[in-house]
PDB file of N, CA and C in Angstrom:
ATOM      1  N   MET A   1       0.827  -1.201   0.000  1.00  0.00           N
ATOM      2  CA  MET A   1       0.000   0.000   0.000  1.00  0.00           C
ATOM      3  C   MET A   1       0.863   1.253   0.000  1.00  0.00           C
ATOM      4  N   GLN A   2       2.160   1.130   0.096  1.00  0.00           N
ATOM      5  CA  GLN A   2       3.064   2.280   0.154  1.00  0.00           C
ATOM      6  C   GLN A   2       3.382   2.788  -1.243  1.00  0.00           C
ATOM      7  N   ASP A   3       2.374   3.240  -1.956  1.00  0.00           N
ATOM      8  CA  ASP A   3       2.625   3.731  -3.301  1.00  0.00           C
ATOM      9  C   ASP A   3       2.533   5.256  -3.344  1.00  0.00           C
ATOM     10  N   ARG A   4       2.657   5.793  -4.524  1.00  0.00           N
ATOM     11  CA  ARG A   4       2.688   7.244  -4.705  1.00  0.00           C
ATOM     12  C   ARG A   4       1.391   7.917  -4.246  1.00  0.00           C
ATOM     13  N   LYS A   5       0.247   7.312  -4.556  1.00  0.00           N
ATOM     14  CA  LYS A   5      -1.039   7.884  -4.152  1.00  0.00           C
ATOM     15  C   LYS A   5      -1.138   7.974  -2.630  1.00  0.00           C
ATOM     16  N   TYR A   6      -0.686   6.925  -1.953  1.00  0.00           N
ATOM     17  CA  TYR A   6      -0.729   6.905  -0.499  1.00  0.00           C
ATOM     18  C   TYR A   6       0.131   8.025   0.091  1.00  0.00           C
ATOM     19  N   HIS A   7       1.315   8.210  -0.441  1.00  0.00           N
ATOM     20  CA  HIS A   7       2.216   9.241   0.062  1.00  0.00           C
ATOM     21  C   HIS A   7       1.665  10.639  -0.201  1.00  0.00           C
ATOM     22  N   LYS A   8       0.986  10.827  -1.329  1.00  0.00           N
ATOM     23  CA  LYS A   8       0.364  12.117  -1.623  1.00  0.00           C
ATOM     24  C   LYS A   8      -0.767  12.397  -0.634  1.00  0.00           C
ATOM     25  N   LYS A   9      -1.564  11.369  -0.320  1.00  0.00           N
ATOM     26  CA  LYS A   9      -2.645  11.543   0.642  1.00  0.00           C
ATOM     27  C   LYS A   9      -2.085  11.807   2.035  1.00  0.00           C
ATOM     28  N   LYS A  10      -1.012  11.128   2.377  1.00  0.00           N
ATOM     29  CA  LYS A  10      -0.386  11.338   3.672  1.00  0.00           C
ATOM     30  C   LYS A  10       0.123  12.765   3.791  1.00  0.00           C
ATOM     31  N   ALA A  11       0.738  13.274   2.738  1.00  0.00           N
ATOM     32  CA  ALA A  11       1.234  14.651   2.748  1.00  0.00           C
ATOM     33  C   ALA A  11       0.081  15.643   2.844  1.00  0.00           C
ATOM     34  N   ALA A  12      -1.024  15.357   2.152  1.00  0.00           N
ATOM     35  CA  ALA A  12      -2.183  16.244   2.194  1.00  0.00           C
ATOM     36  C   ALA A  12      -2.794  16.278   3.590  1.00  0.00           C
ATOM     37  N   VAL A  13      -2.887  15.124   4.233  1.00  0.00           N
ATOM     38  CA  VAL A  13      -3.432  15.066   5.595  1.00  0.00           C
ATOM     39  C   VAL A  13      -2.518  15.810   6.562  1.00  0.00           C
ATOM     40  N   GLU A  14      -1.227  15.588   6.450  1.00  0.00           N
ATOM     41  CA  GLU A  14      -0.282  16.269   7.336  1.00  0.00           C
ATOM     42  C   GLU A  14      -0.344  17.784   7.138  1.00  0.00           C
ATOM     43  N   LYS A  15      -0.419  18.230   5.912  1.00  0.00           N
ATOM     44  CA  LYS A  15      -0.513  19.665   5.623  1.00  0.00           C
ATOM     45  C   LYS A  15      -1.804  20.242   6.204  1.00  0.00           C
ATOM     46  N   PHE A  16      -2.916  19.527   6.058  1.00  0.00           N
ATOM     47  CA  PHE A  16      -4.191  19.988   6.597  1.00  0.00           C
ATOM     48  C   PHE A  16      -4.134  20.105   8.117  1.00  0.00           C
ATOM     49  N   ILE A  17      -3.537  19.110   8.778  1.00  0.00           N
ATOM     50  CA  ILE A  17      -3.439  19.124  10.237  1.00  0.00           C
ATOM     51  C   ILE A  17      -2.601  20.303  10.701  1.00  0.00           C
ATOM     52  N   LYS A  18      -1.485  20.543  10.040  1.00  0.00           N
ATOM     53  CA  LYS A  18      -0.628  21.666  10.436  1.00  0.00           C
ATOM     54  C   LYS A  18      -1.310  23.005  10.194  1.00  0.00           C
ATOM     55  N   LYS A  19      -2.058  23.117   9.095  1.00  0.00           N
ATOM     56  CA  LYS A  19      -2.713  24.376   8.761  1.00  0.00           C
ATOM     57  C   LYS A  19      -3.870  24.681   9.706  1.00  0.00           C
ATOM     58  N   HIS A  20      -4.692  23.687  10.015  1.00  0.00           N
ATOM     59  CA  HIS A  20      -5.894  23.902  10.808  1.00  0.00           C
ATOM     60  C   HIS A  20      -5.733  23.547  12.283  1.00  0.00           C
ATOM     61  N   GLY A  21      -4.697  22.820  12.629  1.00  0.00           N
ATOM     62  CA  GLY A  21      -4.423  22.493  14.022  1.00  0.00           C
ATOM     63  C   GLY A  21      -5.423  21.556  14.650  1.00  0.00           C
ATOM     64  N   THR A  22      -6.048  20.696  13.877  1.00  0.00           N
ATOM     65  CA  THR A  22      -7.018  19.754  14.422  1.00  0.00           C
ATOM     66  C   THR A  22      -6.767  18.354  13.879  1.00  0.00           C
ATOM     67  N   ILE A  23      -7.066  17.368  14.717  1.00  0.00           N
ATOM     68  CA  ILE A  23      -6.948  15.974  14.305  1.00  0.00           C
ATOM     69  C   ILE A  23      -8.338  15.334  14.323  1.00  0.00           C
ATOM     70  N   ASP A  24      -9.378  16.166  14.270  1.00  0.00           N
ATOM     71  CA  ASP A  24     -10.753  15.672  14.263  1.00  0.00           C
ATOM     72  C   ASP A  24     -11.015  14.897  12.972  1.00  0.00           C
ATOM     73  N   HIS A  25     -11.359  13.624  13.111  1.00  0.00           N
ATOM     74  CA  HIS A  25     -11.503  12.745  11.963  1.00  0.00           C
ATOM     75  C   HIS A  25     -12.555  13.236  10.981  1.00  0.00           C
ATOM     76  N   SER A  26     -13.693  13.681  11.491  1.00  0.00           N
ATOM     77  CA  SER A  26     -14.772  14.096  10.589  1.00  0.00           C
ATOM     78  C   SER A  26     -14.382  15.327   9.773  1.00  0.00           C
ATOM     79  N   VAL A  27     -13.652  16.254  10.370  1.00  0.00           N
ATOM     80  CA  VAL A  27     -13.220  17.454   9.654  1.00  0.00           C
ATOM     81  C   VAL A  27     -12.242  17.084   8.545  1.00  0.00           C
ATOM     82  N   ILE A  28     -11.307  16.207   8.852  1.00  0.00           N
ATOM     83  CA  ILE A  28     -10.320  15.780   7.855  1.00  0.00           C
ATOM     84  C   ILE A  28     -11.007  15.019   6.725  1.00  0.00           C
ATOM     85  N   LEU A  29     -11.930  14.114   7.070  1.00  0.00           N
ATOM     86  CA  LEU A  29     -12.615  13.328   6.043  1.00  0.00           C
ATOM     87  C   LEU A  29     -13.440  14.205   5.113  1.00  0.00           C
ATOM     88  N   ASN A  30     -14.012  15.284   5.627  1.00  0.00           N
ATOM     89  CA  ASN A  30     -14.830  16.166   4.791  1.00  0.00           C
ATOM     90  C   ASN A  30     -13.998  17.077   3.906  1.00  0.00           C
ATOM     91  N   ASN A  31     -12.756  17.349   4.271  1.00  0.00           N
ATOM     92  CA  ASN A  31     -11.948  18.312   3.535  1.00  0.00           C
ATOM     93  C   ASN A  31     -10.823  17.707   2.705  1.00  0.00           C
ATOM     94  N   VAL A  32     -10.419  16.493   2.996  1.00  0.00           N
ATOM     95  CA  VAL A  32      -9.330  15.843   2.272  1.00  0.00           C
ATOM     96  C   VAL A  32      -9.885  14.588   1.607  1.00  0.00           C
ATOM     97  N   ASP A  33      -9.479  14.325   0.383  1.00  0.00           N
ATOM     98  CA  ASP A  33      -9.948  13.158  -0.357  1.00  0.00           C
ATOM     99  C   ASP A  33      -9.225  11.905   0.141  1.00  0.00           C
ATOM    100  N   VAL A  34      -9.765  11.338   1.224  1.00  0.00           N
ATOM    101  CA  VAL A  34      -9.173  10.142   1.820  1.00  0.00           C
ATOM    102  C   VAL A  34     -10.293   9.358   2.494  1.00  0.00           C
ATOM    103  N   ASN A  35     -10.200   8.011   2.476  1.00  0.00           N
ATOM    104  CA  ASN A  35     -11.219   7.230   3.157  1.00  0.00           C
ATOM    105  C   ASN A  35     -10.812   6.983   4.611  1.00  0.00           C
ATOM    106  N   TYR A  36     -11.737   6.458   5.407  1.00  0.00           N
ATOM    107  CA  TYR A  36     -11.534   6.337   6.850  1.00  0.00           C
ATOM    108  C   TYR A  36     -10.373   5.407   7.190  1.00  0.00           C
ATOM    109  N   GLU A  37     -10.312   4.269   6.537  1.00  0.00           N
ATOM    110  CA  GLU A  37      -9.255   3.294   6.836  1.00  0.00           C
ATOM    111  C   GLU A  37      -7.867   3.879   6.554  1.00  0.00           C
ATOM    112  N   THR A  38      -7.736   4.544   5.425  1.00  0.00           N
ATOM    113  CA  THR A  38      -6.457   5.160   5.066  1.00  0.00           C
ATOM    114  C   THR A  38      -6.115   6.279   6.041  1.00  0.00           C
ATOM    115  N   LEU A  39      -7.115   7.063   6.436  1.00  0.00           N
ATOM    116  CA  LEU A  39      -6.883   8.146   7.393  1.00  0.00           C
ATOM    117  C   LEU A  39      -6.370   7.606   8.716  1.00  0.00           C
ATOM    118  N   MET A  40      -6.947   6.523   9.204  1.00  0.00           N
ATOM    119  CA  MET A  40      -6.501   5.941  10.470  1.00  0.00           C
ATOM    120  C   MET A  40      -5.056   5.450  10.359  1.00  0.00           C
ATOM    121  N   ARG A  41      -4.710   4.849   9.228  1.00  0.00           N
ATOM    122  CA  ARG A  41      -3.342   4.371   9.017  1.00  0.00           C
ATOM    123  C   ARG A  41      -2.365   5.549   8.977  1.00  0.00           C
ATOM    124  N   ILE A  42      -2.756   6.627   8.289  1.00  0.00           N
ATOM    125  CA  ILE A  42      -1.905   7.813   8.183  1.00  0.00           C
ATOM    126  C   ILE A  42      -1.705   8.457   9.550  1.00  0.00           C
ATOM    127  N   LEU A  43      -2.785   8.626  10.306  1.00  0.00           N
ATOM    128  CA  LEU A  43      -2.669   9.239  11.632  1.00  0.00           C
ATOM    129  C   LEU A  43      -1.802   8.402  12.557  1.00  0.00           C
ATOM    130  N   ASP A  44      -1.927   7.076  12.467  1.00  0.00           N
ATOM    131  CA  ASP A  44      -1.100   6.193  13.285  1.00  0.00           C
ATOM    132  C   ASP A  44       0.380   6.358  12.933  1.00  0.00           C
ATOM    133  N   GLU A  45       0.688   6.414  11.642  1.00  0.00           N
ATOM    134  CA  GLU A  45       2.078   6.598  11.226  1.00  0.00           C
ATOM    135  C   GLU A  45       2.615   7.957  11.658  1.00  0.00           C
ATOM    136  N   LEU A  46       1.814   9.003  11.513  1.00  0.00           N
ATOM    137  CA  LEU A  46       2.268  10.339  11.906  1.00  0.00           C
ATOM    138  C   LEU A  46       2.520  10.413  13.413  1.00  0.00           C
ATOM    139  N   ARG A  47       1.687   9.754  14.192  1.00  0.00           N
ATOM    140  CA  ARG A  47       1.905   9.717  15.647  1.00  0.00           C
ATOM    141  C   ARG A  47       3.180   8.953  15.985  1.00  0.00           C
ATOM    142  N   ASN A  48       3.402   7.822  15.320  1.00  0.00           N
ATOM    143  CA  ASN A  48       4.606   7.030  15.577  1.00  0.00           C
ATOM    144  C   ASN A  48       5.869   7.775  15.169  1.00  0.00           C
ATOM    145  N   GLU A  49       5.795   8.583  14.114  1.00  0.00           N
ATOM    146  CA  GLU A  49       6.943   9.354  13.661  1.00  0.00           C
ATOM    147  C   GLU A  49       7.146  10.616  14.492  1.00  0.00           C
ATOM    148  N   GLY A  50       6.159  10.968  15.309  1.00  0.00           N
ATOM    149  CA  GLY A  50       6.275  12.153  16.158  1.00  0.00           C
ATOM    150  C   GLY A  50       5.915  13.440  15.464  1.00  0.00           C
ATOM    151  N   ARG A  51       5.296  13.379  14.316  1.00  0.00           N
ATOM    152  CA  ARG A  51       4.923  14.579  13.577  1.00  0.00           C
ATOM    153  C   ARG A  51       3.616  15.195  14.083  1.00  0.00           C
ATOM    154  N   VAL A  52       2.772  14.362  14.681  1.00  0.00           N
ATOM    155  CA  VAL A  52       1.476  14.814  15.203  1.00  0.00           C
ATOM    156  C   VAL A  52       1.358  14.325  16.639  1.00  0.00           C
ATOM    157  N   SER A  53       0.881  15.197  17.490  1.00  0.00           N
ATOM    158  CA  SER A  53       0.736  14.770  18.901  1.00  0.00           C
ATOM    159  C   SER A  53      -0.622  14.191  19.171  1.00  0.00           C
TER     160      SER A  53
END
């Protein structure tokens, strides 16, 4: 699943979180083109990497 589309979505989610300062799932799902399962995987990776608290 670690392909180019996934990395683009991960970057978009990270950019959205930094810009808006929220990790609210519903807000991210409504504003970024990503499904719930992928969003959960991205948030888990960002937390493990220390990029998101």
